Protein backbone atom coordinates (compact mmCIF):
# COMPACT_ATOMS: atom_id res chain seq x y z
CA MET A 1 -13.31 -2.33 -3.77
CA ILE A 2 -10.72 -0.83 -1.46
CA ASP A 3 -11.55 0.02 2.13
CA ILE A 4 -9.10 2.48 3.71
CA ILE A 5 -8.83 2.58 7.49
CA TYR A 6 -6.82 5.09 9.51
CA SER A 7 -5.59 4.54 13.05
CA ALA A 8 -6.34 7.32 15.53
CA ASN A 9 -5.97 10.83 14.06
CA LEU A 10 -3.59 9.79 11.27
CA LYS A 11 -5.94 10.77 8.44
CA SER A 12 -5.44 14.46 9.22
CA GLN A 13 -1.66 14.17 8.79
CA LEU A 14 -1.80 13.74 5.02
CA ASN A 15 -3.89 14.74 2.04
CA ALA A 16 -6.17 11.73 2.43
CA THR A 17 -8.31 12.65 -0.58
CA LEU A 18 -5.29 12.64 -2.89
CA PHE A 19 -3.89 9.43 -1.37
CA GLU A 20 -7.22 7.62 -1.67
CA ARG A 21 -7.78 8.77 -5.25
CA ARG A 22 -4.33 7.47 -6.15
CA ILE A 23 -4.96 4.07 -4.56
CA PHE A 24 -8.23 3.66 -6.44
CA LEU A 25 -6.52 4.58 -9.72
CA ALA A 26 -3.66 2.12 -9.05
CA GLN A 27 -6.24 -0.57 -8.30
CA GLN A 28 -7.90 0.08 -11.67
CA LEU A 29 -4.61 0.16 -13.58
CA LEU A 30 -3.65 -3.20 -12.04
CA GLY A 31 -7.02 -4.73 -12.95
CA LEU A 32 -8.07 -5.25 -9.34
CA ASP A 33 -11.42 -3.46 -9.58
CA GLU A 34 -13.43 -6.50 -8.54
CA GLU A 35 -11.27 -7.63 -5.61
CA ILE A 36 -11.77 -6.59 -2.00
CA ILE A 37 -8.67 -4.99 -0.50
CA THR A 38 -8.21 -3.29 2.86
CA VAL A 39 -5.54 -0.64 3.39
CA LYS A 40 -4.78 0.37 6.96
CA VAL A 41 -2.66 3.40 7.80
CA CYS A 42 -1.11 3.01 11.23
CA ASP A 43 1.67 4.33 13.44
CA ASP A 44 5.10 2.76 14.02
CA GLU A 45 4.09 1.16 17.31
CA GLU A 46 1.29 -0.83 15.69
CA MET A 47 3.48 -1.68 12.67
CA HIS A 48 6.25 -2.91 14.97
CA ALA A 49 3.80 -5.18 16.78
CA LEU A 50 2.43 -6.59 13.51
CA ASN A 51 5.93 -7.15 12.11
CA LYS A 52 6.91 -8.99 15.30
CA MET A 53 3.73 -11.05 15.39
CA TYR A 54 3.56 -12.11 11.74
CA ARG A 55 7.18 -12.00 10.57
CA ASP A 56 9.04 -12.50 13.86
CA ILE A 57 11.00 -9.31 13.13
CA ASP A 58 11.36 -7.12 16.23
CA ASP A 59 11.39 -3.82 14.34
CA THR A 60 9.04 -1.60 12.43
CA THR A 61 8.74 -1.51 8.65
CA ASP A 62 7.10 0.69 6.05
CA VAL A 63 4.54 -1.66 4.51
CA LEU A 64 3.17 -5.15 5.13
CA SER A 65 0.93 -7.15 2.82
CA PHE A 66 -1.24 -10.05 3.87
CA ASN A 67 -2.53 -12.07 0.94
CA LEU A 68 -5.86 -13.65 1.87
CA ASP A 69 -7.04 -14.69 -1.59
CA PHE A 70 -10.42 -16.21 -0.70
CA ASP A 71 -13.92 -15.92 -2.11
CA ASP A 72 -16.33 -14.21 0.26
CA PRO A 73 -19.71 -15.87 -0.40
CA GLY A 74 -21.53 -12.94 1.22
CA GLN A 75 -19.83 -10.39 -1.03
CA LYS A 76 -19.52 -12.70 -4.05
CA GLN A 77 -16.06 -11.21 -4.59
CA LEU A 78 -12.48 -12.26 -4.09
CA VAL A 79 -10.96 -10.92 -0.87
CA LEU A 80 -7.43 -10.31 -2.11
CA GLY A 81 -5.89 -9.16 1.16
CA ASP A 82 -4.75 -6.41 3.48
CA ILE A 83 -2.05 -3.77 3.19
CA ILE A 84 -0.73 -2.03 6.29
CA ILE A 85 1.29 1.19 5.90
CA SER A 86 3.19 3.01 8.64
CA LEU A 87 2.52 6.71 8.22
CA ILE A 88 5.47 7.51 10.49
CA ARG A 89 7.91 5.44 8.42
CA ALA A 90 6.42 6.79 5.18
CA ASN A 91 6.98 10.34 6.40
CA GLN A 92 10.62 9.60 7.24
CA GLN A 93 11.17 8.03 3.83
CA ALA A 94 9.45 10.94 2.08
CA ILE A 95 11.91 13.33 3.72
CA GLU A 96 14.88 11.08 2.82
CA ASN A 97 13.67 10.74 -0.80
CA GLU A 98 12.78 14.44 -1.04
CA HIS A 99 9.21 14.01 -2.14
CA SER A 100 5.82 14.44 -0.52
CA LEU A 101 4.26 12.18 2.08
CA GLU A 102 1.46 11.43 -0.37
CA ASP A 103 4.01 10.34 -2.98
CA GLU A 104 5.64 7.95 -0.51
CA MET A 105 2.29 6.61 0.66
CA THR A 106 1.33 6.05 -2.98
CA LEU A 107 4.54 4.11 -3.65
CA LEU A 108 4.00 1.96 -0.58
CA ALA A 109 0.37 1.26 -1.47
CA ILE A 110 1.34 0.22 -5.00
CA HIS A 111 4.11 -1.94 -3.57
CA GLY A 112 1.56 -3.63 -1.31
CA LEU A 113 -0.89 -4.15 -4.17
CA LEU A 114 1.82 -5.82 -6.24
CA HIS A 115 2.62 -8.17 -3.35
CA LEU A 116 -1.08 -9.07 -3.10
CA MET A 117 -0.96 -9.93 -6.80
CA GLY A 118 1.87 -12.37 -6.13
CA HIS A 119 4.89 -10.24 -7.04
CA ASP A 120 8.00 -10.55 -4.92
CA HIS A 121 11.48 -9.05 -4.76
CA ALA A 122 13.47 -11.78 -3.05
CA LEU A 123 15.41 -12.62 -6.21
CA LYS A 124 17.15 -10.10 -8.49
CA LYS A 125 14.98 -10.94 -11.53
CA GLU A 126 11.77 -10.74 -9.48
CA LYS A 127 12.89 -7.43 -8.01
CA GLN A 128 13.53 -5.97 -11.47
CA ILE A 129 10.09 -6.99 -12.68
CA MET A 130 8.26 -5.84 -9.55
CA PHE A 131 10.02 -2.49 -9.20
CA SER A 132 9.67 -1.72 -12.92
CA LEU A 133 5.93 -2.36 -12.72
CA GLN A 134 5.74 -0.37 -9.47
CA GLU A 135 7.43 2.63 -11.10
CA ASN A 136 5.25 2.37 -14.21
CA ILE A 137 2.01 2.33 -12.18
CA TYR A 138 3.30 5.10 -9.88
CA GLN A 139 4.10 7.37 -12.84
CA GLN A 140 0.66 6.80 -14.36
CA VAL A 141 -1.05 7.47 -11.03
CA VAL A 142 0.79 10.69 -10.19
CA SER A 143 0.51 12.00 -13.76
CA GLY A 144 -3.27 11.67 -13.36
CA ASP A 145 -3.30 14.07 -10.41
CA TYR A 146 -5.32 17.21 -10.79
CA GLU A 147 -4.75 18.30 -7.20
CA SER A 148 -1.40 18.47 -5.42
């Protein structure tokens, strides 16, 4: 189960239906159907504050993942974690990479999901594995689109 939360008025700035459909498909492709995951779409100010608070980095970033990995007895499911995405940063990167905001948001969500699964990109070998898997899942997700 994925719960998607949008900070004030950000949902209207993208095709939320397409973005959400893509996240749910990525979750299925990664075999995370049974886990509880929260995705929050925020602005750069909130992302900057979170990055400072949790990583001691006084700057914004595009995506943060917080692996919780605990069993919720009330839900009887594994709470895998939270993914926070800066819509502002995603929009800037979409322009730089010459693709849509929804494409960039999809990439960032998949990136966050992979981090929640334990993937990392600190070492060259890890980065190759993670980014190859990210691209593979991304291609499957966007090829499944029936609405642009």
